[in-house]
Amino acid sequence: MLSSVLRSTRAVEVHITIVRTCVRLRRLWATHEDLARKVAQHDRHIAVLFDQVKHLLEPPPAPKKPPIGFIHPKG
């Protein structure tokens, strides 16, 4: 992307370096299943934490108050 904008040899070199780094990262994720599994487990834990925080941020239900004044018994 950078090389298509700047059109210089340095921009081309930087772009190639970025693409190679991305390819290495993809290979790293593919070969290190244990690391990917740990990341997925952390993602689940974080999702649970967010659910708990959302639950804590909800306002409590309003308490049911008895009516004020005289209530005539029916009958």
PDB file of N, CA and C in Angstrom:
ATOM      1  N   MET A   1       0.830  -1.197   0.000  1.00  0.00           N
ATOM      2  CA  MET A   1       0.000   0.000   0.000  1.00  0.00           C
ATOM      3  C   MET A   1       0.866   1.249   0.000  1.00  0.00           C
ATOM      4  N   LEU A   2       1.873   1.227   0.847  1.00  0.00           N
ATOM      5  CA  LEU A   2       2.752   2.390   0.939  1.00  0.00           C
ATOM      6  C   LEU A   2       3.481   2.628  -0.378  1.00  0.00           C
ATOM      7  N   SER A   3       3.914   1.545  -1.003  1.00  0.00           N
ATOM      8  CA  SER A   3       4.669   1.701  -2.254  1.00  0.00           C
ATOM      9  C   SER A   3       3.795   2.216  -3.385  1.00  0.00           C
ATOM     10  N   SER A   4       2.501   1.932  -3.329  1.00  0.00           N
ATOM     11  CA  SER A   4       1.634   2.434  -4.396  1.00  0.00           C
ATOM     12  C   SER A   4       1.364   3.926  -4.239  1.00  0.00           C
ATOM     13  N   VAL A   5       1.542   4.452  -3.047  1.00  0.00           N
ATOM     14  CA  VAL A   5       1.303   5.876  -2.807  1.00  0.00           C
ATOM     15  C   VAL A   5       2.569   6.689  -3.040  1.00  0.00           C
ATOM     16  N   LEU A   6       3.681   6.223  -2.501  1.00  0.00           N
ATOM     17  CA  LEU A   6       4.896   7.026  -2.541  1.00  0.00           C
ATOM     18  C   LEU A   6       5.761   6.793  -3.775  1.00  0.00           C
ATOM     19  N   ARG A   7       5.735   5.584  -4.327  1.00  0.00           N
ATOM     20  CA  ARG A   7       6.492   5.273  -5.551  1.00  0.00           C
ATOM     21  C   ARG A   7       7.996   5.498  -5.401  1.00  0.00           C
ATOM     22  N   SER A   8       8.544   5.128  -4.251  1.00  0.00           N
ATOM     23  CA  SER A   8       9.991   5.220  -4.082  1.00  0.00           C
ATOM     24  C   SER A   8      10.533   3.846  -3.733  1.00  0.00           C
ATOM     25  N   THR A   9      11.835   3.667  -3.913  1.00  0.00           N
ATOM     26  CA  THR A   9      12.428   2.362  -3.611  1.00  0.00           C
ATOM     27  C   THR A   9      12.328   2.056  -2.118  1.00  0.00           C
ATOM     28  N   ARG A  10      12.468   3.051  -1.294  1.00  0.00           N
ATOM     29  CA  ARG A  10      12.360   2.849   0.163  1.00  0.00           C
ATOM     30  C   ARG A  10      10.936   2.431   0.539  1.00  0.00           C
ATOM     31  N   ALA A  11       9.936   3.031  -0.087  1.00  0.00           N
ATOM     32  CA  ALA A  11       8.549   2.662   0.183  1.00  0.00           C
ATOM     33  C   ALA A  11       8.285   1.221  -0.231  1.00  0.00           C
ATOM     34  N   VAL A  12       8.873   0.796  -1.343  1.00  0.00           N
ATOM     35  CA  VAL A  12       8.714  -0.585  -1.795  1.00  0.00           C
ATOM     36  C   VAL A  12       9.357  -1.539  -0.794  1.00  0.00           C
ATOM     37  N   GLU A  13      10.538  -1.188  -0.300  1.00  0.00           N
ATOM     38  CA  GLU A  13      11.225  -2.030   0.684  1.00  0.00           C
ATOM     39  C   GLU A  13      10.416  -2.142   1.975  1.00  0.00           C
ATOM     40  N   VAL A  14       9.864  -1.043   2.421  1.00  0.00           N
ATOM     41  CA  VAL A  14       9.057  -1.056   3.645  1.00  0.00           C
ATOM     42  C   VAL A  14       7.807  -1.900   3.439  1.00  0.00           C
ATOM     43  N   HIS A  15       7.188  -1.760   2.291  1.00  0.00           N
ATOM     44  CA  HIS A  15       5.981  -2.536   1.995  1.00  0.00           C
ATOM     45  C   HIS A  15       6.295  -4.036   1.981  1.00  0.00           C
ATOM     46  N   ILE A  16       7.375  -4.421   1.372  1.00  0.00           N
ATOM     47  CA  ILE A  16       7.774  -5.833   1.340  1.00  0.00           C
ATOM     48  C   ILE A  16       8.058  -6.343   2.739  1.00  0.00           C
ATOM     49  N   THR A  17       8.707  -5.537   3.557  1.00  0.00           N
ATOM     50  CA  THR A  17       8.989  -5.927   4.937  1.00  0.00           C
ATOM     51  C   THR A  17       7.700  -6.129   5.727  1.00  0.00           C
ATOM     52  N   ILE A  18       6.743  -5.252   5.522  1.00  0.00           N
ATOM     53  CA  ILE A  18       5.459  -5.372   6.221  1.00  0.00           C
ATOM     54  C   ILE A  18       4.741  -6.649   5.796  1.00  0.00           C
ATOM     55  N   VAL A  19       4.721  -6.938   4.510  1.00  0.00           N
ATOM     56  CA  VAL A  19       4.049  -8.143   4.017  1.00  0.00           C
ATOM     57  C   VAL A  19       4.747  -9.390   4.552  1.00  0.00           C
ATOM     58  N   ARG A  20       6.059  -9.405   4.561  1.00  0.00           N
ATOM     59  CA  ARG A  20       6.793 -10.557   5.096  1.00  0.00           C
ATOM     60  C   ARG A  20       6.513 -10.744   6.582  1.00  0.00           C
ATOM     61  N   THR A  21       6.415  -9.667   7.311  1.00  0.00           N
ATOM     62  CA  THR A  21       6.102  -9.761   8.735  1.00  0.00           C
ATOM     63  C   THR A  21       4.715 -10.343   8.949  1.00  0.00           C
ATOM     64  N   CYS A  22       3.766  -9.921   8.151  1.00  0.00           N
ATOM     65  CA  CYS A  22       2.403 -10.466   8.261  1.00  0.00           C
ATOM     66  C   CYS A  22       2.380 -11.947   7.937  1.00  0.00           C
ATOM     67  N   VAL A  23       3.132 -12.360   6.945  1.00  0.00           N
ATOM     68  CA  VAL A  23       3.198 -13.777   6.588  1.00  0.00           C
ATOM     69  C   VAL A  23       3.823 -14.573   7.727  1.00  0.00           C
ATOM     70  N   ARG A  24       4.876 -14.041   8.335  1.00  0.00           N
ATOM     71  CA  ARG A  24       5.508 -14.725   9.474  1.00  0.00           C
ATOM     72  C   ARG A  24       4.537 -14.861  10.642  1.00  0.00           C
ATOM     73  N   LEU A  25       3.795 -13.809  10.908  1.00  0.00           N
ATOM     74  CA  LEU A  25       2.811 -13.880  11.990  1.00  0.00           C
ATOM     75  C   LEU A  25       1.748 -14.931  11.701  1.00  0.00           C
ATOM     76  N   ARG A  26       1.297 -15.002  10.472  1.00  0.00           N
ATOM     77  CA  ARG A  26       0.296 -16.006  10.095  1.00  0.00           C
ATOM     78  C   ARG A  26       0.865 -17.413  10.278  1.00  0.00           C
ATOM     79  N   ARG A  27       2.109 -17.616   9.891  1.00  0.00           N
ATOM     80  CA  ARG A  27       2.742 -18.933  10.082  1.00  0.00           C
ATOM     81  C   ARG A  27       2.902 -19.235  11.572  1.00  0.00           C
ATOM     82  N   LEU A  28       3.257 -18.236  12.338  1.00  0.00           N
ATOM     83  CA  LEU A  28       3.413 -18.420  13.781  1.00  0.00           C
ATOM     84  C   LEU A  28       2.097 -18.876  14.407  1.00  0.00           C
ATOM     85  N   TRP A  29       1.006 -18.231  14.038  1.00  0.00           N
ATOM     86  CA  TRP A  29      -0.308 -18.610  14.566  1.00  0.00           C
ATOM     87  C   TRP A  29      -0.681 -20.010  14.109  1.00  0.00           C
ATOM     88  N   ALA A  30      -0.346 -20.367  12.883  1.00  0.00           N
ATOM     89  CA  ALA A  30      -0.714 -21.676  12.365  1.00  0.00           C
ATOM     90  C   ALA A  30       0.092 -22.791  13.032  1.00  0.00           C
ATOM     91  N   THR A  31       1.352 -22.535  13.351  1.00  0.00           N
ATOM     92  CA  THR A  31       2.206 -23.577  13.919  1.00  0.00           C
ATOM     93  C   THR A  31       2.114 -23.655  15.437  1.00  0.00           C
ATOM     94  N   HIS A  32       1.697 -22.618  16.069  1.00  0.00           N
ATOM     95  CA  HIS A  32       1.618 -22.618  17.528  1.00  0.00           C
ATOM     96  C   HIS A  32       0.161 -22.714  17.968  1.00  0.00           C
ATOM     97  N   GLU A  33      -0.376 -23.919  17.857  1.00  0.00           N
ATOM     98  CA  GLU A  33      -1.779 -24.127  18.199  1.00  0.00           C
ATOM     99  C   GLU A  33      -2.033 -23.864  19.678  1.00  0.00           C
ATOM    100  N   ASP A  34      -1.038 -24.180  20.505  1.00  0.00           N
ATOM    101  CA  ASP A  34      -1.191 -23.958  21.939  1.00  0.00           C
ATOM    102  C   ASP A  34      -1.391 -22.471  22.235  1.00  0.00           C
ATOM    103  N   LEU A  35      -0.616 -21.642  21.564  1.00  0.00           N
ATOM    104  CA  LEU A  35      -0.748 -20.199  21.748  1.00  0.00           C
ATOM    105  C   LEU A  35      -2.112 -19.716  21.275  1.00  0.00           C
ATOM    106  N   ALA A  36      -2.562 -20.223  20.146  1.00  0.00           N
ATOM    107  CA  ALA A  36      -3.877 -19.838  19.632  1.00  0.00           C
ATOM    108  C   ALA A  36      -4.982 -20.294  20.583  1.00  0.00           C
ATOM    109  N   ARG A  37      -4.829 -21.482  21.168  1.00  0.00           N
ATOM    110  CA  ARG A  37      -5.824 -21.990  22.104  1.00  0.00           C
ATOM    111  C   ARG A  37      -5.871 -21.117  23.364  1.00  0.00           C
ATOM    112  N   LYS A  38      -4.698 -20.688  23.845  1.00  0.00           N
ATOM    113  CA  LYS A  38      -4.653 -19.817  25.024  1.00  0.00           C
ATOM    114  C   LYS A  38      -5.320 -18.471  24.735  1.00  0.00           C
ATOM    115  N   VAL A  39      -5.069 -17.937  23.552  1.00  0.00           N
ATOM    116  CA  VAL A  39      -5.688 -16.664  23.187  1.00  0.00           C
ATOM    117  C   VAL A  39      -7.205 -16.815  23.133  1.00  0.00           C
ATOM    118  N   ALA A  40      -7.684 -17.914  22.561  1.00  0.00           N
ATOM    119  CA  ALA A  40      -9.129 -18.148  22.495  1.00  0.00           C
ATOM    120  C   ALA A  40      -9.722 -18.300  23.893  1.00  0.00           C
ATOM    121  N   GLN A  41      -8.981 -18.965  24.769  1.00  0.00           N
ATOM    122  CA  GLN A  41      -9.456 -19.126  26.145  1.00  0.00           C
ATOM    123  C   GLN A  41      -9.526 -17.763  26.844  1.00  0.00           C
ATOM    124  N   HIS A  42      -8.519 -16.930  26.637  1.00  0.00           N
ATOM    125  CA  HIS A  42      -8.537 -15.588  27.228  1.00  0.00           C
ATOM    126  C   HIS A  42      -9.691 -14.767  26.672  1.00  0.00           C
ATOM    127  N   ASP A  43      -9.987 -14.931  25.391  1.00  0.00           N
ATOM    128  CA  ASP A  43     -11.114 -14.217  24.799  1.00  0.00           C
ATOM    129  C   ASP A  43     -12.422 -14.603  25.478  1.00  0.00           C
ATOM    130  N   ARG A  44     -12.582 -15.896  25.774  1.00  0.00           N
ATOM    131  CA  ARG A  44     -13.801 -16.341  26.463  1.00  0.00           C
ATOM    132  C   ARG A  44     -13.869 -15.755  27.873  1.00  0.00           C
ATOM    133  N   HIS A  45     -12.729 -15.740  28.573  1.00  0.00           N
ATOM    134  CA  HIS A  45     -12.708 -15.170  29.922  1.00  0.00           C
ATOM    135  C   HIS A  45     -13.049 -13.682  29.895  1.00  0.00           C
ATOM    136  N   ILE A  46     -12.526 -12.983  28.926  1.00  0.00           N
ATOM    137  CA  ILE A  46     -12.800 -11.550  28.813  1.00  0.00           C
ATOM    138  C   ILE A  46     -14.277 -11.327  28.508  1.00  0.00           C
ATOM    139  N   ALA A  47     -14.871 -12.170  27.677  1.00  0.00           N
ATOM    140  CA  ALA A  47     -16.296 -12.040  27.372  1.00  0.00           C
ATOM    141  C   ALA A  47     -17.134 -12.239  28.633  1.00  0.00           C
ATOM    142  N   VAL A  48     -16.753 -13.210  29.464  1.00  0.00           N
ATOM    143  CA  VAL A  48     -17.475 -13.436  30.725  1.00  0.00           C
ATOM    144  C   VAL A  48     -17.335 -12.218  31.625  1.00  0.00           C
ATOM    145  N   LEU A  49     -16.149 -11.653  31.704  1.00  0.00           N
ATOM    146  CA  LEU A  49     -15.947 -10.458  32.524  1.00  0.00           C
ATOM    147  C   LEU A  49     -16.812  -9.299  32.046  1.00  0.00           C
ATOM    148  N   PHE A  50     -16.889  -9.102  30.731  1.00  0.00           N
ATOM    149  CA  PHE A  50     -17.718  -8.022  30.208  1.00  0.00           C
ATOM    150  C   PHE A  50     -19.190  -8.248  30.536  1.00  0.00           C
ATOM    151  N   ASP A  51     -19.646  -9.505  30.451  1.00  0.00           N
ATOM    152  CA  ASP A  51     -21.036  -9.801  30.807  1.00  0.00           C
ATOM    153  C   ASP A  51     -21.302  -9.475  32.274  1.00  0.00           C
ATOM    154  N   GLN A  52     -20.362  -9.822  33.144  1.00  0.00           N
ATOM    155  CA  GLN A  52     -20.534  -9.543  34.569  1.00  0.00           C
ATOM    156  C   GLN A  52     -20.550  -8.040  34.845  1.00  0.00           C
ATOM    157  N   VAL A  53     -19.683  -7.307  34.168  1.00  0.00           N
ATOM    158  CA  VAL A  53     -19.647  -5.854  34.359  1.00  0.00           C
ATOM    159  C   VAL A  53     -20.949  -5.222  33.870  1.00  0.00           C
ATOM    160  N   LYS A  54     -21.464  -5.691  32.734  1.00  0.00           N
ATOM    161  CA  LYS A  54     -22.742  -5.169  32.237  1.00  0.00           C
ATOM    162  C   LYS A  54     -23.853  -5.441  33.239  1.00  0.00           C
ATOM    163  N   HIS A  55     -23.834  -6.639  33.841  1.00  0.00           N
ATOM    164  CA  HIS A  55     -24.849  -6.984  34.835  1.00  0.00           C
ATOM    165  C   HIS A  55     -24.736  -6.062  36.052  1.00  0.00           C
ATOM    166  N   LEU A  56     -23.518  -5.764  36.470  1.00  0.00           N
ATOM    167  CA  LEU A  56     -23.325  -4.891  37.633  1.00  0.00           C
ATOM    168  C   LEU A  56     -23.724  -3.446  37.346  1.00  0.00           C
ATOM    169  N   LEU A  57     -23.625  -3.033  36.091  1.00  0.00           N
ATOM    170  CA  LEU A  57     -23.953  -1.656  35.738  1.00  0.00           C
ATOM    171  C   LEU A  57     -25.451  -1.418  35.575  1.00  0.00           C
ATOM    172  N   GLU A  58     -26.228  -2.501  35.477  1.00  0.00           N
ATOM    173  CA  GLU A  58     -27.675  -2.333  35.353  1.00  0.00           C
ATOM    174  C   GLU A  58     -28.234  -1.821  36.675  1.00  0.00           C
ATOM    175  N   PRO A  59     -29.180  -0.875  36.611  1.00  0.00           N
ATOM    176  CA  PRO A  59     -29.757  -0.370  37.862  1.00  0.00           C
ATOM    177  C   PRO A  59     -30.607  -1.454  38.526  1.00  0.00           C
ATOM    178  N   PRO A  60     -30.631  -1.459  39.852  1.00  0.00           N
ATOM    179  CA  PRO A  60     -31.440  -2.475  40.530  1.00  0.00           C
ATOM    180  C   PRO A  60     -32.923  -2.190  40.311  1.00  0.00           C
ATOM    181  N   PRO A  61     -33.759  -3.220  40.405  1.00  0.00           N
ATOM    182  CA  PRO A  61     -35.190  -2.982  40.222  1.00  0.00           C
ATOM    183  C   PRO A  61     -35.729  -2.116  41.354  1.00  0.00           C
ATOM    184  N   ALA A  62     -36.706  -1.276  41.031  1.00  0.00           N
ATOM    185  CA  ALA A  62     -37.291  -0.382  42.035  1.00  0.00           C
ATOM    186  C   ALA A  62     -38.049  -1.219  43.062  1.00  0.00           C
ATOM    187  N   PRO A  63     -37.868  -0.926  44.340  1.00  0.00           N
ATOM    188  CA  PRO A  63     -38.573  -1.692  45.358  1.00  0.00           C
ATOM    189  C   PRO A  63     -40.074  -1.401  45.300  1.00  0.00           C
ATOM    190  N   LYS A  64     -40.876  -2.415  45.572  1.00  0.00           N
ATOM    191  CA  LYS A  64     -42.316  -2.261  45.535  1.00  0.00           C
ATOM    192  C   LYS A  64     -42.753  -1.639  46.861  1.00  0.00           C
ATOM    193  N   LYS A  65     -43.358  -0.463  46.774  1.00  0.00           N
ATOM    194  CA  LYS A  65     -43.774   0.264  47.962  1.00  0.00           C
ATOM    195  C   LYS A  65     -45.278   0.087  48.167  1.00  0.00           C
ATOM    196  N   PRO A  66     -45.694  -0.025  49.416  1.00  0.00           N
ATOM    197  CA  PRO A  66     -47.128  -0.102  49.671  1.00  0.00           C
ATOM    198  C   PRO A  66     -47.774   1.255  49.401  1.00  0.00           C
ATOM    199  N   PRO A  67     -49.039   1.257  48.997  1.00  0.00           N
ATOM    200  CA  PRO A  67     -49.709   2.535  48.734  1.00  0.00           C
ATOM    201  C   PRO A  67     -49.852   3.355  50.023  1.00  0.00           C
ATOM    202  N   ILE A  68     -49.853   4.662  49.847  1.00  0.00           N
ATOM    203  CA  ILE A  68     -49.988   5.567  50.995  1.00  0.00           C
ATOM    204  C   ILE A  68     -51.476   5.901  51.193  1.00  0.00           C
ATOM    205  N   GLY A  69     -51.895   5.945  52.448  1.00  0.00           N
ATOM    206  CA  GLY A  69     -53.277   6.336  52.757  1.00  0.00           C
ATOM    207  C   GLY A  69     -54.134   5.161  53.135  1.00  0.00           C
ATOM    208  N   PHE A  70     -55.408   5.471  53.388  1.00  0.00           N
ATOM    209  CA  PHE A  70     -56.369   4.438  53.812  1.00  0.00           C
ATOM    210  C   PHE A  70     -56.861   3.661  52.614  1.00  0.00           C
ATOM    211  N   ILE A  71     -56.859   2.352  52.756  1.00  0.00           N
ATOM    212  CA  ILE A  71     -57.381   1.484  51.701  1.00  0.00           C
ATOM    213  C   ILE A  71     -58.606   0.801  52.278  1.00  0.00           C
ATOM    214  N   HIS A  72     -59.740   1.024  51.646  1.00  0.00           N
ATOM    215  CA  HIS A  72     -61.007   0.458  52.111  1.00  0.00           C
ATOM    216  C   HIS A  72     -61.041  -1.027  51.783  1.00  0.00           C
ATOM    217  N   PRO A  73     -61.309  -1.845  52.794  1.00  0.00           N
ATOM    218  CA  PRO A  73     -61.387  -3.282  52.518  1.00  0.00           C
ATOM    219  C   PRO A  73     -62.594  -3.588  51.671  1.00  0.00           C
ATOM    220  N   LYS A  74     -62.446  -4.425  50.719  1.00  0.00           N
ATOM    221  CA  LYS A  74     -63.540  -4.811  49.832  1.00  0.00           C
ATOM    222  C   LYS A  74     -64.349  -5.892  50.520  1.00  0.00           C
ATOM    223  N   GLY A  75     -65.633  -5.781  50.437  1.00  0.00           N
ATOM    224  CA  GLY A  75     -66.421  -6.855  51.012  1.00  0.00           C
ATOM    225  C   GLY A  75     -67.731  -6.448  51.410  1.00  0.00           C
TER     226      GLY A  75
END
